[in-house]
Structure formats: C-alpha cells, structure tokens
C-alpha cells in the first residue's frame, strides 16, 4: 500500500512558500511524492471563521513579533535567503489559484508553482494584476495568456471550489496544511511530524 501525502496550498501565504521550499528535502529522504492541492485560502477562512495571522494576532502583544522571529529562525535553519515579504501583501490570489488548477489540468502544475512561488515571495511581484501574471509566466516559458484565459473557464473555477470545500470538510482551517493519508498537520512547524508520519506508514507497509 502506498502512502498518500497532500499539501493544501495557496500562494498568498508566506508560510506556504517556506514549507514549499523544504518539501523537496522530505521527498528526497522518504522517496514519497507530495501532491500539491490548490485551494483558495480566502474561501477556507470564510468557511471556518479564520483570519490571516496578521489580522488574528494584531491585537496580541508580542505575537506578531514572535511570528517574525520564528520565520527568521526557519529561514536561517533551511538557508532560504531568497525569501522577501511581498511589498504588495496581501495579494488577492484568486487568479493565481485558478491558474494553478488550469496548469494542473494541462499537466504542468509543478513548473507553474515554482514560477508563482518565486514571483510572490522572492521577486515581490503583484500577481493579482493580469498583465503582470501573464508576463511573468510568458517569461518563464509558459503560456501566460492561455493560463489567463483558462482561469475563467467553468471547469477550472469548479475544481478550485471543490478542492477548497473538500479541504474544509477534512478539517483544514488555513495553509499550509498537510494530510498523510487522513492524518492532518497544520503549519510549516509540523513538517518534522509530517515526515515522521510518512516514515511510520512506510514501515507498516514493509
């Protein structure tokens, strides 16, 4: 039996970017491919009554400062020196996430994700601007205009809504969220637990 590992992601979350950067290390060590599932974080927040940390913790003395410290520690530990907080934050990611579904349908979600993560959290681009979106993907060798047009198709919109609804039904309330089979883990800080759970499943299959 093969272990299933899913990664609920949205480009709008800096912690999702940081987790994304570490995932290849886990895949290499375990030999297990992690499946990226595009979901709309705003939809998850609306369905669960959650908010982004910048809003939820804004009135808690010291909490945002500690979050920034924790991010700095994570960056230092994993040598993620290309990370930059997007100067346009928060960016509306509806176009980006629909584009991710379109890219998945086309069979090139992996390349799409690399470009989108880099654009959002290394190059600080305003990726909710259709022209910036199309130009960014064109420059990366993908068909930005096709992705832009495809993002308006009903099947793409429906898949994103379905992914988001399913994530909420499974217990997700934010991103990054991971599922190892049906076991849920939230946050980049749980990546060690994700890897442990994967290894536990692998041992049980032997």
Protein backbone atom coordinates (compact mmCIF):
# COMPACT_ATOMS: atom_id res chain seq x y z
CA UNK A 1 0.00 0.00 0.00
CA UNK A 2 1.34 3.46 -0.95
CA UNK A 3 1.13 6.38 1.45
CA UNK A 4 -0.80 9.41 0.17
CA UNK A 5 0.56 12.84 1.12
CA UNK A 6 -1.33 16.00 0.15
CA UNK A 7 -0.27 19.61 0.55
CA UNK A 8 -3.08 22.18 0.77
CA UNK A 9 -1.55 25.38 -0.57
CA UNK A 10 -2.27 28.96 -1.60
CA UNK A 11 0.37 31.32 -2.97
CA UNK A 12 -0.84 34.09 -0.65
CA UNK A 13 0.70 32.53 2.46
CA UNK A 14 4.38 33.23 3.16
CA UNK A 15 4.49 30.18 5.42
CA UNK A 16 3.25 28.09 2.50
CA UNK A 17 6.19 29.33 0.42
CA UNK A 18 8.60 28.42 3.21
CA UNK A 19 7.09 24.94 3.53
CA UNK A 20 7.23 24.53 -0.25
CA UNK A 21 10.97 25.20 -0.20
CA UNK A 22 11.57 22.40 2.31
CA UNK A 23 9.28 19.78 0.73
CA UNK A 24 11.92 18.56 -1.79
CA UNK A 25 14.17 17.59 1.13
CA UNK A 26 11.40 15.45 2.64
CA UNK A 27 10.61 13.86 -0.72
CA UNK A 28 14.28 13.01 -1.24
CA UNK A 29 14.69 11.48 2.22
CA UNK A 30 11.47 9.45 2.14
CA UNK A 31 11.09 8.69 -1.56
CA UNK A 32 7.43 9.79 -1.32
CA UNK A 33 5.98 12.37 -3.71
CA UNK A 34 3.86 15.06 -2.05
CA UNK A 35 0.80 16.07 -4.07
CA UNK A 36 0.04 19.79 -4.24
CA UNK A 37 -3.68 20.59 -3.94
CA UNK A 38 -4.57 24.18 -4.93
CA UNK A 39 -7.19 25.71 -2.62
CA UNK A 40 -8.40 29.25 -2.07
CA UNK A 41 -7.21 30.36 1.36
CA UNK A 42 -9.78 33.15 1.47
CA UNK A 43 -12.50 30.56 0.95
CA UNK A 44 -11.11 28.40 3.75
CA UNK A 45 -11.00 31.42 6.07
CA UNK A 46 -14.57 32.37 5.21
CA UNK A 47 -15.88 28.85 5.78
CA UNK A 48 -14.08 28.42 9.11
CA UNK A 49 -14.19 31.92 10.56
CA UNK A 50 -10.40 32.11 10.50
CA UNK A 51 -8.19 35.09 9.62
CA UNK A 52 -4.64 35.62 8.46
CA UNK A 53 -2.10 35.83 11.32
CA UNK A 54 -1.53 39.50 10.50
CA UNK A 55 -5.16 40.19 11.42
CA UNK A 56 -5.81 37.50 14.01
CA UNK A 57 -2.75 38.38 16.11
CA UNK A 58 -2.63 42.13 15.52
CA UNK A 59 -4.01 42.95 18.98
CA UNK A 60 -2.00 40.34 20.88
CA UNK A 61 1.04 41.99 22.43
CA UNK A 62 4.23 40.38 21.19
CA UNK A 63 2.58 37.73 19.00
CA UNK A 64 3.39 39.16 15.57
CA UNK A 65 6.91 39.96 16.69
CA UNK A 66 7.36 36.37 17.79
CA UNK A 67 5.94 35.08 14.50
CA UNK A 68 8.52 37.15 12.63
CA UNK A 69 11.25 35.74 14.86
CA UNK A 70 10.06 32.21 14.18
CA UNK A 71 10.07 32.87 10.45
CA UNK A 72 13.62 34.22 10.71
CA UNK A 73 14.71 31.08 12.54
CA UNK A 74 13.09 28.84 9.92
CA UNK A 75 14.76 30.79 7.11
CA UNK A 76 18.15 30.55 8.81
CA UNK A 77 17.78 26.83 9.54
CA UNK A 78 16.91 25.96 5.94
CA UNK A 79 19.05 28.69 4.32
CA UNK A 80 16.09 30.23 2.48
CA UNK A 81 17.84 33.53 1.84
CA UNK A 82 15.81 34.37 -1.29
CA UNK A 83 12.65 34.97 0.73
CA UNK A 84 11.23 38.50 0.68
CA UNK A 85 7.93 39.65 2.14
CA UNK A 86 5.87 40.76 -0.87
CA UNK A 87 5.67 44.56 -0.89
CA UNK A 88 2.10 44.30 -2.26
CA UNK A 89 0.95 41.98 0.54
CA UNK A 90 -1.81 40.97 0.88
CA UNK A 91 -2.20 39.91 -2.75
CA UNK A 92 -5.54 38.57 -3.98
CA UNK A 93 -4.65 35.05 -5.12
CA UNK A 94 -7.86 34.08 -6.93
CA UNK A 95 -6.21 34.40 -10.36
CA UNK A 96 -3.08 32.58 -9.24
CA UNK A 97 -5.04 29.70 -7.73
CA UNK A 98 -7.32 29.31 -10.73
CA UNK A 99 -4.20 29.35 -12.86
CA UNK A 100 -2.77 26.56 -10.71
CA UNK A 101 -5.83 24.42 -11.42
CA UNK A 102 -5.54 25.20 -15.14
CA UNK A 103 -1.87 24.24 -15.06
CA UNK A 104 -2.75 21.03 -13.24
CA UNK A 105 -5.28 20.18 -15.95
CA UNK A 106 -2.54 20.84 -18.53
CA UNK A 107 -0.08 18.61 -16.67
CA UNK A 108 2.45 21.27 -15.70
CA UNK A 109 1.41 22.37 -12.22
CA UNK A 110 4.95 21.74 -10.93
CA UNK A 111 6.53 24.35 -13.20
CA UNK A 112 3.63 26.73 -12.58
CA UNK A 113 4.10 26.51 -8.82
CA UNK A 114 7.84 27.19 -8.98
CA UNK A 115 7.25 30.34 -11.02
CA UNK A 116 4.37 31.54 -8.83
CA UNK A 117 6.19 30.99 -5.54
CA UNK A 118 9.27 32.77 -6.83
CA UNK A 119 7.23 35.67 -8.19
CA UNK A 120 5.33 36.13 -4.93
CA UNK A 121 7.99 35.57 -2.29
CA UNK A 122 11.32 36.27 -3.99
CA UNK A 123 10.57 38.86 -6.67
CA UNK A 124 7.75 40.66 -4.81
CA UNK A 125 5.52 40.89 -7.89
CA UNK A 126 1.88 41.97 -7.87
CA UNK A 127 0.50 38.70 -9.16
CA UNK A 128 -3.16 39.71 -8.96
CA UNK A 129 -2.51 42.07 -11.88
CA UNK A 130 -3.46 40.13 -15.05
CA UNK A 131 -0.69 41.74 -17.12
CA UNK A 132 1.97 41.01 -14.51
CA UNK A 133 0.61 37.47 -14.22
CA UNK A 134 0.71 36.81 -17.97
CA UNK A 135 4.12 38.45 -18.45
CA UNK A 136 5.63 36.50 -15.56
CA UNK A 137 4.55 33.14 -16.93
CA UNK A 138 5.45 34.06 -20.50
CA UNK A 139 8.97 34.97 -19.39
CA UNK A 140 9.23 31.61 -17.65
CA UNK A 141 8.37 29.74 -20.85
CA UNK A 142 4.73 29.03 -20.00
CA UNK A 143 1.79 30.42 -21.98
CA UNK A 144 0.64 33.26 -19.74
CA UNK A 145 -2.22 34.31 -21.99
CA UNK A 146 -3.52 30.75 -22.18
CA UNK A 147 -3.41 30.47 -18.38
CA UNK A 148 -5.14 33.83 -18.03
CA UNK A 149 -7.94 32.77 -20.37
CA UNK A 150 -8.17 29.25 -18.95
CA UNK A 151 -8.60 30.68 -15.43
CA UNK A 152 -12.04 31.95 -16.48
CA UNK A 153 -13.35 28.54 -17.57
CA UNK A 154 -16.11 26.94 -15.53
CA UNK A 155 -14.34 23.62 -15.03
CA UNK A 156 -11.32 25.40 -13.56
CA UNK A 157 -13.45 27.53 -11.24
CA UNK A 158 -15.43 24.50 -10.12
CA UNK A 159 -12.34 22.40 -9.39
CA UNK A 160 -10.90 25.16 -7.20
CA UNK A 161 -14.18 25.46 -5.30
CA UNK A 162 -14.39 21.69 -4.91
CA UNK A 163 -10.79 21.46 -3.66
CA UNK A 164 -11.44 24.21 -1.15
CA UNK A 165 -14.70 22.69 0.10
CA UNK A 166 -13.10 19.27 0.46
CA UNK A 167 -10.21 20.72 2.44
CA UNK A 168 -12.63 22.39 4.86
CA UNK A 169 -14.64 19.18 5.18
CA UNK A 170 -11.43 17.36 6.12
CA UNK A 171 -10.69 19.89 8.85
CA UNK A 172 -8.40 22.43 7.18
CA UNK A 173 -8.64 25.98 8.53
CA UNK A 174 -5.57 27.53 6.95
CA UNK A 175 -2.40 26.92 4.95
CA UNK A 176 -0.02 25.22 4.80
CA UNK A 177 -1.95 22.07 5.69
CA UNK A 178 -0.74 18.53 5.08
CA UNK A 179 -2.54 15.20 5.02
CA UNK A 180 -0.66 11.95 5.37
CA UNK A 181 -3.49 9.67 4.35
CA UNK A 182 -6.19 11.06 6.70
CA UNK A 183 -3.84 12.44 9.37
CA UNK A 184 -3.80 16.25 9.30
CA UNK A 185 -0.86 18.52 10.13
CA UNK A 186 -1.00 22.33 10.07
CA UNK A 187 1.85 24.75 9.63
CA UNK A 188 5.44 24.64 8.44
CA UNK A 189 6.47 23.86 12.02
CA UNK A 190 4.84 20.43 11.63
CA UNK A 191 6.99 19.33 8.71
CA UNK A 192 9.05 17.13 11.02
CA UNK A 193 5.85 15.42 12.16
CA UNK A 194 4.75 15.03 8.55
CA UNK A 195 7.99 13.23 7.75
CA UNK A 196 7.67 11.04 10.84
CA UNK A 197 4.13 10.06 9.84
CA UNK A 198 5.28 9.22 6.31
CA UNK A 199 8.03 7.00 7.70
CA UNK A 200 5.57 5.30 10.04
CA UNK A 201 3.34 4.43 7.08
CA UNK A 202 6.31 3.19 5.08
CA UNK A 203 7.40 0.92 7.93
CA UNK A 204 3.90 -0.51 8.26
CA UNK A 205 3.91 -1.39 4.56
CA UNK A 206 7.06 -3.48 4.84
